[in-house]
Amino acid sequence: MAEFDVDAFVARFAERATAVEERGVPPLEGEARRRFMEAAQQDFIDFSLVADAKPSVEDGHLVLRIALSD
């Protein structure tokens, strides 16, 4: 297995958060549109949390420290 680049991993999540935020809404109506928008918001939150994490490798485990308060 290739060496794991923690910083690149976190950077990919930042890129994904930006992509979710910038992507357009497909031509959906009603309930389908609401579900799409909810999923996009959840994706953005998830990707942003990982992107803002302080990563480290401890005893062979990837540890992401995520602040849940300001």
PDB file of N, CA and C in Angstrom:
ATOM      1  N   MET A   1       0.845  -1.181   0.000  1.00  0.00           N
ATOM      2  CA  MET A   1       0.000   0.000   0.000  1.00  0.00           C
ATOM      3  C   MET A   1       0.889   1.242   0.000  1.00  0.00           C
ATOM      4  N   ALA A   2       0.501   2.222  -0.775  1.00  0.00           N
ATOM      5  CA  ALA A   2       1.250   3.482  -0.826  1.00  0.00           C
ATOM      6  C   ALA A   2       1.136   4.202   0.514  1.00  0.00           C
ATOM      7  N   GLU A   3       2.102   5.062   0.797  1.00  0.00           N
ATOM      8  CA  GLU A   3       2.083   5.822   2.038  1.00  0.00           C
ATOM      9  C   GLU A   3       0.859   6.729   2.071  1.00  0.00           C
ATOM     10  N   PHE A   4       0.198   6.777   3.208  1.00  0.00           N
ATOM     11  CA  PHE A   4      -1.018   7.579   3.378  1.00  0.00           C
ATOM     12  C   PHE A   4      -0.638   9.015   3.677  1.00  0.00           C
ATOM     13  N   ASP A   5      -1.151   9.939   2.883  1.00  0.00           N
ATOM     14  CA  ASP A   5      -0.884  11.362   3.058  1.00  0.00           C
ATOM     15  C   ASP A   5      -2.083  11.996   3.766  1.00  0.00           C
ATOM     16  N   VAL A   6      -1.950  12.209   5.063  1.00  0.00           N
ATOM     17  CA  VAL A   6      -3.045  12.732   5.878  1.00  0.00           C
ATOM     18  C   VAL A   6      -3.484  14.101   5.394  1.00  0.00           C
ATOM     19  N   ASP A   7      -2.531  14.968   5.087  1.00  0.00           N
ATOM     20  CA  ASP A   7      -2.877  16.324   4.655  1.00  0.00           C
ATOM     21  C   ASP A   7      -3.637  16.310   3.331  1.00  0.00           C
ATOM     22  N   ALA A   8      -3.233  15.442   2.413  1.00  0.00           N
ATOM     23  CA  ALA A   8      -3.943  15.329   1.138  1.00  0.00           C
ATOM     24  C   ALA A   8      -5.357  14.800   1.353  1.00  0.00           C
ATOM     25  N   PHE A   9      -5.501  13.865   2.287  1.00  0.00           N
ATOM     26  CA  PHE A   9      -6.810  13.317   2.627  1.00  0.00           C
ATOM     27  C   PHE A   9      -7.746  14.425   3.098  1.00  0.00           C
ATOM     28  N   VAL A  10      -7.283  15.237   4.027  1.00  0.00           N
ATOM     29  CA  VAL A  10      -8.097  16.330   4.555  1.00  0.00           C
ATOM     30  C   VAL A  10      -8.375  17.359   3.452  1.00  0.00           C
ATOM     31  N   ALA A  11      -7.393  17.639   2.611  1.00  0.00           N
ATOM     32  CA  ALA A  11      -7.575  18.598   1.510  1.00  0.00           C
ATOM     33  C   ALA A  11      -8.660  18.122   0.548  1.00  0.00           C
ATOM     34  N   ARG A  12      -8.736  16.810   0.299  1.00  0.00           N
ATOM     35  CA  ARG A  12      -9.783  16.284  -0.585  1.00  0.00           C
ATOM     36  C   ARG A  12     -11.174  16.552  -0.010  1.00  0.00           C
ATOM     37  N   PHE A  13     -11.302  16.481   1.297  1.00  0.00           N
ATOM     38  CA  PHE A  13     -12.601  16.777   1.907  1.00  0.00           C
ATOM     39  C   PHE A  13     -12.940  18.256   1.778  1.00  0.00           C
ATOM     40  N   ALA A  14     -11.942  19.128   1.854  1.00  0.00           N
ATOM     41  CA  ALA A  14     -12.180  20.553   1.640  1.00  0.00           C
ATOM     42  C   ALA A  14     -12.647  20.795   0.208  1.00  0.00           C
ATOM     43  N   GLU A  15     -12.029  20.113  -0.741  1.00  0.00           N
ATOM     44  CA  GLU A  15     -12.440  20.233  -2.147  1.00  0.00           C
ATOM     45  C   GLU A  15     -13.864  19.724  -2.336  1.00  0.00           C
ATOM     46  N   ARG A  16     -14.210  18.645  -1.681  1.00  0.00           N
ATOM     47  CA  ARG A  16     -15.568  18.096  -1.797  1.00  0.00           C
ATOM     48  C   ARG A  16     -16.596  19.043  -1.191  1.00  0.00           C
ATOM     49  N   ALA A  17     -16.260  19.661  -0.075  1.00  0.00           N
ATOM     50  CA  ALA A  17     -17.187  20.620   0.538  1.00  0.00           C
ATOM     51  C   ALA A  17     -17.436  21.782  -0.411  1.00  0.00           C
ATOM     52  N   THR A  18     -16.387  22.278  -1.040  1.00  0.00           N
ATOM     53  CA  THR A  18     -16.531  23.373  -2.000  1.00  0.00           C
ATOM     54  C   THR A  18     -17.369  22.930  -3.195  1.00  0.00           C
ATOM     55  N   ALA A  19     -17.133  21.719  -3.679  1.00  0.00           N
ATOM     56  CA  ALA A  19     -17.889  21.213  -4.827  1.00  0.00           C
ATOM     57  C   ALA A  19     -19.373  21.095  -4.502  1.00  0.00           C
ATOM     58  N   VAL A  20     -19.696  20.624  -3.310  1.00  0.00           N
ATOM     59  CA  VAL A  20     -21.105  20.505  -2.911  1.00  0.00           C
ATOM     60  C   VAL A  20     -21.745  21.883  -2.847  1.00  0.00           C
ATOM     61  N   GLU A  21     -21.013  22.824  -2.282  1.00  0.00           N
ATOM     62  CA  GLU A  21     -21.539  24.180  -2.122  1.00  0.00           C
ATOM     63  C   GLU A  21     -21.772  24.857  -3.481  1.00  0.00           C
ATOM     64  N   GLU A  22     -20.929  24.540  -4.456  1.00  0.00           N
ATOM     65  CA  GLU A  22     -20.998  25.214  -5.755  1.00  0.00           C
ATOM     66  C   GLU A  22     -21.857  24.498  -6.794  1.00  0.00           C
ATOM     67  N   ARG A  23     -22.195  23.235  -6.544  1.00  0.00           N
ATOM     68  CA  ARG A  23     -22.947  22.503  -7.571  1.00  0.00           C
ATOM     69  C   ARG A  23     -24.366  23.022  -7.676  1.00  0.00           C
ATOM     70  N   GLY A  24     -24.871  22.926  -8.869  1.00  0.00           N
ATOM     71  CA  GLY A  24     -26.231  23.377  -9.135  1.00  0.00           C
ATOM     72  C   GLY A  24     -27.259  22.350  -8.685  1.00  0.00           C
ATOM     73  N   VAL A  25     -28.499  22.771  -8.722  1.00  0.00           N
ATOM     74  CA  VAL A  25     -29.605  21.893  -8.367  1.00  0.00           C
ATOM     75  C   VAL A  25     -30.202  21.354  -9.652  1.00  0.00           C
ATOM     76  N   PRO A  26     -30.316  20.036  -9.753  1.00  0.00           N
ATOM     77  CA  PRO A  26     -30.922  19.478 -10.960  1.00  0.00           C
ATOM     78  C   PRO A  26     -32.407  19.837 -11.025  1.00  0.00           C
ATOM     79  N   PRO A  27     -33.002  19.686 -12.174  1.00  0.00           N
ATOM     80  CA  PRO A  27     -34.414  20.068 -12.333  1.00  0.00           C
ATOM     81  C   PRO A  27     -35.343  19.091 -11.591  1.00  0.00           C
ATOM     82  N   LEU A  28     -35.458  19.295 -10.306  1.00  0.00           N
ATOM     83  CA  LEU A  28     -36.325  18.475  -9.464  1.00  0.00           C
ATOM     84  C   LEU A  28     -37.449  19.347  -8.923  1.00  0.00           C
ATOM     85  N   GLU A  29     -38.543  18.701  -8.584  1.00  0.00           N
ATOM     86  CA  GLU A  29     -39.677  19.439  -8.018  1.00  0.00           C
ATOM     87  C   GLU A  29     -40.147  18.785  -6.735  1.00  0.00           C
ATOM     88  N   GLY A  30     -40.793  19.561  -5.930  1.00  0.00           N
ATOM     89  CA  GLY A  30     -41.467  19.057  -4.749  1.00  0.00           C
ATOM     90  C   GLY A  30     -40.572  18.300  -3.784  1.00  0.00           C
ATOM     91  N   GLU A  31     -41.041  17.101  -3.407  1.00  0.00           N
ATOM     92  CA  GLU A  31     -40.369  16.280  -2.408  1.00  0.00           C
ATOM     93  C   GLU A  31     -38.960  15.888  -2.850  1.00  0.00           C
ATOM     94  N   ALA A  32     -38.768  15.582  -4.117  1.00  0.00           N
ATOM     95  CA  ALA A  32     -37.448  15.198  -4.622  1.00  0.00           C
ATOM     96  C   ALA A  32     -36.463  16.351  -4.475  1.00  0.00           C
ATOM     97  N   ARG A  33     -36.909  17.563  -4.739  1.00  0.00           N
ATOM     98  CA  ARG A  33     -36.039  18.736  -4.591  1.00  0.00           C
ATOM     99  C   ARG A  33     -35.668  18.944  -3.121  1.00  0.00           C
ATOM    100  N   ARG A  34     -36.646  18.804  -2.229  1.00  0.00           N
ATOM    101  CA  ARG A  34     -36.393  18.972  -0.807  1.00  0.00           C
ATOM    102  C   ARG A  34     -35.369  17.947  -0.320  1.00  0.00           C
ATOM    103  N   ARG A  35     -35.523  16.690  -0.733  1.00  0.00           N
ATOM    104  CA  ARG A  35     -34.578  15.646  -0.318  1.00  0.00           C
ATOM    105  C   ARG A  35     -33.182  15.923  -0.867  1.00  0.00           C
ATOM    106  N   PHE A  36     -33.110  16.380  -2.115  1.00  0.00           N
ATOM    107  CA  PHE A  36     -31.806  16.705  -2.716  1.00  0.00           C
ATOM    108  C   PHE A  36     -31.128  17.824  -1.926  1.00  0.00           C
ATOM    109  N   MET A  37     -31.871  18.865  -1.604  1.00  0.00           N
ATOM    110  CA  MET A  37     -31.303  20.000  -0.876  1.00  0.00           C
ATOM    111  C   MET A  37     -30.865  19.587   0.528  1.00  0.00           C
ATOM    112  N   GLU A  38     -31.631  18.756   1.195  1.00  0.00           N
ATOM    113  CA  GLU A  38     -31.245  18.274   2.519  1.00  0.00           C
ATOM    114  C   GLU A  38     -29.971  17.437   2.446  1.00  0.00           C
ATOM    115  N   ALA A  39     -29.894  16.562   1.441  1.00  0.00           N
ATOM    116  CA  ALA A  39     -28.698  15.725   1.275  1.00  0.00           C
ATOM    117  C   ALA A  39     -27.474  16.585   0.974  1.00  0.00           C
ATOM    118  N   ALA A  40     -27.640  17.605   0.142  1.00  0.00           N
ATOM    119  CA  ALA A  40     -26.520  18.494  -0.192  1.00  0.00           C
ATOM    120  C   ALA A  40     -26.038  19.234   1.054  1.00  0.00           C
ATOM    121  N   GLN A  41     -26.963  19.696   1.878  1.00  0.00           N
ATOM    122  CA  GLN A  41     -26.583  20.394   3.110  1.00  0.00           C
ATOM    123  C   GLN A  41     -25.833  19.457   4.044  1.00  0.00           C
ATOM    124  N   GLN A  42     -26.315  18.227   4.178  1.00  0.00           N
ATOM    125  CA  GLN A  42     -25.649  17.256   5.050  1.00  0.00           C
ATOM    126  C   GLN A  42     -24.261  16.899   4.514  1.00  0.00           C
ATOM    127  N   ASP A  43     -24.149  16.732   3.188  1.00  0.00           N
ATOM    128  CA  ASP A  43     -22.845  16.463   2.573  1.00  0.00           C
ATOM    129  C   ASP A  43     -21.878  17.590   2.884  1.00  0.00           C
ATOM    130  N   PHE A  44     -22.336  18.833   2.734  1.00  0.00           N
ATOM    131  CA  PHE A  44     -21.476  19.989   2.985  1.00  0.00           C
ATOM    132  C   PHE A  44     -20.989  19.988   4.436  1.00  0.00           C
ATOM    133  N   ILE A  45     -21.905  19.749   5.369  1.00  0.00           N
ATOM    134  CA  ILE A  45     -21.523  19.725   6.785  1.00  0.00           C
ATOM    135  C   ILE A  45     -20.499  18.621   7.042  1.00  0.00           C
ATOM    136  N   ASP A  46     -20.782  17.416   6.544  1.00  0.00           N
ATOM    137  CA  ASP A  46     -19.875  16.285   6.766  1.00  0.00           C
ATOM    138  C   ASP A  46     -18.489  16.555   6.196  1.00  0.00           C
ATOM    139  N   PHE A  47     -18.435  16.993   4.938  1.00  0.00           N
ATOM    140  CA  PHE A  47     -17.142  17.254   4.303  1.00  0.00           C
ATOM    141  C   PHE A  47     -16.409  18.397   4.998  1.00  0.00           C
ATOM    142  N   SER A  48     -17.144  19.424   5.422  1.00  0.00           N
ATOM    143  CA  SER A  48     -16.520  20.564   6.098  1.00  0.00           C
ATOM    144  C   SER A  48     -15.941  20.167   7.454  1.00  0.00           C
ATOM    145  N   LEU A  49     -16.648  19.314   8.185  1.00  0.00           N
ATOM    146  CA  LEU A  49     -16.134  18.864   9.484  1.00  0.00           C
ATOM    147  C   LEU A  49     -14.804  18.141   9.320  1.00  0.00           C
ATOM    148  N   VAL A  50     -14.727  17.240   8.357  1.00  0.00           N
ATOM    149  CA  VAL A  50     -13.473  16.508   8.145  1.00  0.00           C
ATOM    150  C   VAL A  50     -12.390  17.461   7.638  1.00  0.00           C
ATOM    151  N   ALA A  51     -12.767  18.383   6.759  1.00  0.00           N
ATOM    152  CA  ALA A  51     -11.791  19.333   6.216  1.00  0.00           C
ATOM    153  C   ALA A  51     -11.201  20.225   7.301  1.00  0.00           C
ATOM    154  N   ASP A  52     -11.987  20.540   8.337  1.00  0.00           N
ATOM    155  CA  ASP A  52     -11.521  21.398   9.420  1.00  0.00           C
ATOM    156  C   ASP A  52     -10.843  20.623  10.552  1.00  0.00           C
ATOM    157  N   ALA A  53     -10.818  19.308  10.451  1.00  0.00           N
ATOM    158  CA  ALA A  53     -10.248  18.467  11.507  1.00  0.00           C
ATOM    159  C   ALA A  53      -8.736  18.656  11.605  1.00  0.00           C
ATOM    160  N   LYS A  54      -8.241  18.387  12.781  1.00  0.00           N
ATOM    161  CA  LYS A  54      -6.795  18.362  13.007  1.00  0.00           C
ATOM    162  C   LYS A  54      -6.377  16.893  12.959  1.00  0.00           C
ATOM    163  N   PRO A  55      -5.768  16.465  11.850  1.00  0.00           N
ATOM    164  CA  PRO A  55      -5.445  15.046  11.702  1.00  0.00           C
ATOM    165  C   PRO A  55      -4.106  14.685  12.342  1.00  0.00           C
ATOM    166  N   SER A  56      -4.025  13.442  12.767  1.00  0.00           N
ATOM    167  CA  SER A  56      -2.760  12.892  13.240  1.00  0.00           C
ATOM    168  C   SER A  56      -2.833  11.377  13.083  1.00  0.00           C
ATOM    169  N   VAL A  57      -1.669  10.763  13.097  1.00  0.00           N
ATOM    170  CA  VAL A  57      -1.593   9.308  13.093  1.00  0.00           C
ATOM    171  C   VAL A  57      -1.008   8.914  14.445  1.00  0.00           C
ATOM    172  N   GLU A  58      -1.786   8.139  15.195  1.00  0.00           N
ATOM    173  CA  GLU A  58      -1.385   7.732  16.537  1.00  0.00           C
ATOM    174  C   GLU A  58      -1.474   6.213  16.638  1.00  0.00           C
ATOM    175  N   ASP A  59      -0.362   5.588  16.913  1.00  0.00           N
ATOM    176  CA  ASP A  59      -0.308   4.122  17.040  1.00  0.00           C
ATOM    177  C   ASP A  59      -0.910   3.427  15.826  1.00  0.00           C
ATOM    178  N   GLY A  60      -0.646   3.977  14.640  1.00  0.00           N
ATOM    179  CA  GLY A  60      -1.131   3.371  13.412  1.00  0.00           C
ATOM    180  C   GLY A  60      -2.596   3.644  13.094  1.00  0.00           C
ATOM    181  N   HIS A  61      -3.223   4.564  13.830  1.00  0.00           N
ATOM    182  CA  HIS A  61      -4.622   4.913  13.602  1.00  0.00           C
ATOM    183  C   HIS A  61      -4.724   6.379  13.170  1.00  0.00           C
ATOM    184  N   LEU A  62      -5.554   6.637  12.189  1.00  0.00           N
ATOM    185  CA  LEU A  62      -5.837   8.009  11.803  1.00  0.00           C
ATOM    186  C   LEU A  62      -6.800   8.598  12.830  1.00  0.00           C
ATOM    187  N   VAL A  63      -6.404   9.715  13.411  1.00  0.00           N
ATOM    188  CA  VAL A  63      -7.233  10.392  14.403  1.00  0.00           C
ATOM    189  C   VAL A  63      -7.579  11.779  13.851  1.00  0.00           C
ATOM    190  N   LEU A  64      -8.874  12.067  13.809  1.00  0.00           N
ATOM    191  CA  LEU A  64      -9.338  13.368  13.359  1.00  0.00           C
ATOM    192  C   LEU A  64      -9.946  14.079  14.565  1.00  0.00           C
ATOM    193  N   ARG A  65      -9.320  15.146  14.985  1.00  0.00           N
ATOM    194  CA  ARG A  65      -9.867  15.917  16.101  1.00  0.00           C
ATOM    195  C   ARG A  65     -10.740  17.022  15.510  1.00  0.00           C
ATOM    196  N   ILE A  66     -12.007  16.938  15.837  1.00  0.00           N
ATOM    197  CA  ILE A  66     -12.995  17.861  15.274  1.00  0.00           C
ATOM    198  C   ILE A  66     -13.601  18.673  16.413  1.00  0.00           C
ATOM    199  N   ALA A  67     -13.415  19.978  16.364  1.00  0.00           N
ATOM    200  CA  ALA A  67     -13.997  20.864  17.381  1.00  0.00           C
ATOM    201  C   ALA A  67     -15.505  20.960  17.143  1.00  0.00           C
ATOM    202  N   LEU A  68     -16.286  20.648  18.152  1.00  0.00           N
ATOM    203  CA  LEU A  68     -17.731  20.715  18.030  1.00  0.00           C
ATOM    204  C   LEU A  68     -18.307  21.985  18.633  1.00  0.00           C
ATOM    205  N   SER A  69     -17.427  22.854  19.119  1.00  0.00           N
ATOM    206  CA  SER A  69     -17.866  24.151  19.618  1.00  0.00           C
ATOM    207  C   SER A  69     -16.819  25.183  19.191  1.00  0.00           C
ATOM    208  N   ASP A  70     -17.217  26.443  19.227  1.00  0.00           N
ATOM    209  CA  ASP A  70     -16.311  27.516  18.802  1.00  0.00           C
ATOM    210  C   ASP A  70     -15.260  27.810  19.804  1.00  0.00           C
TER     211      ASP A  70
END
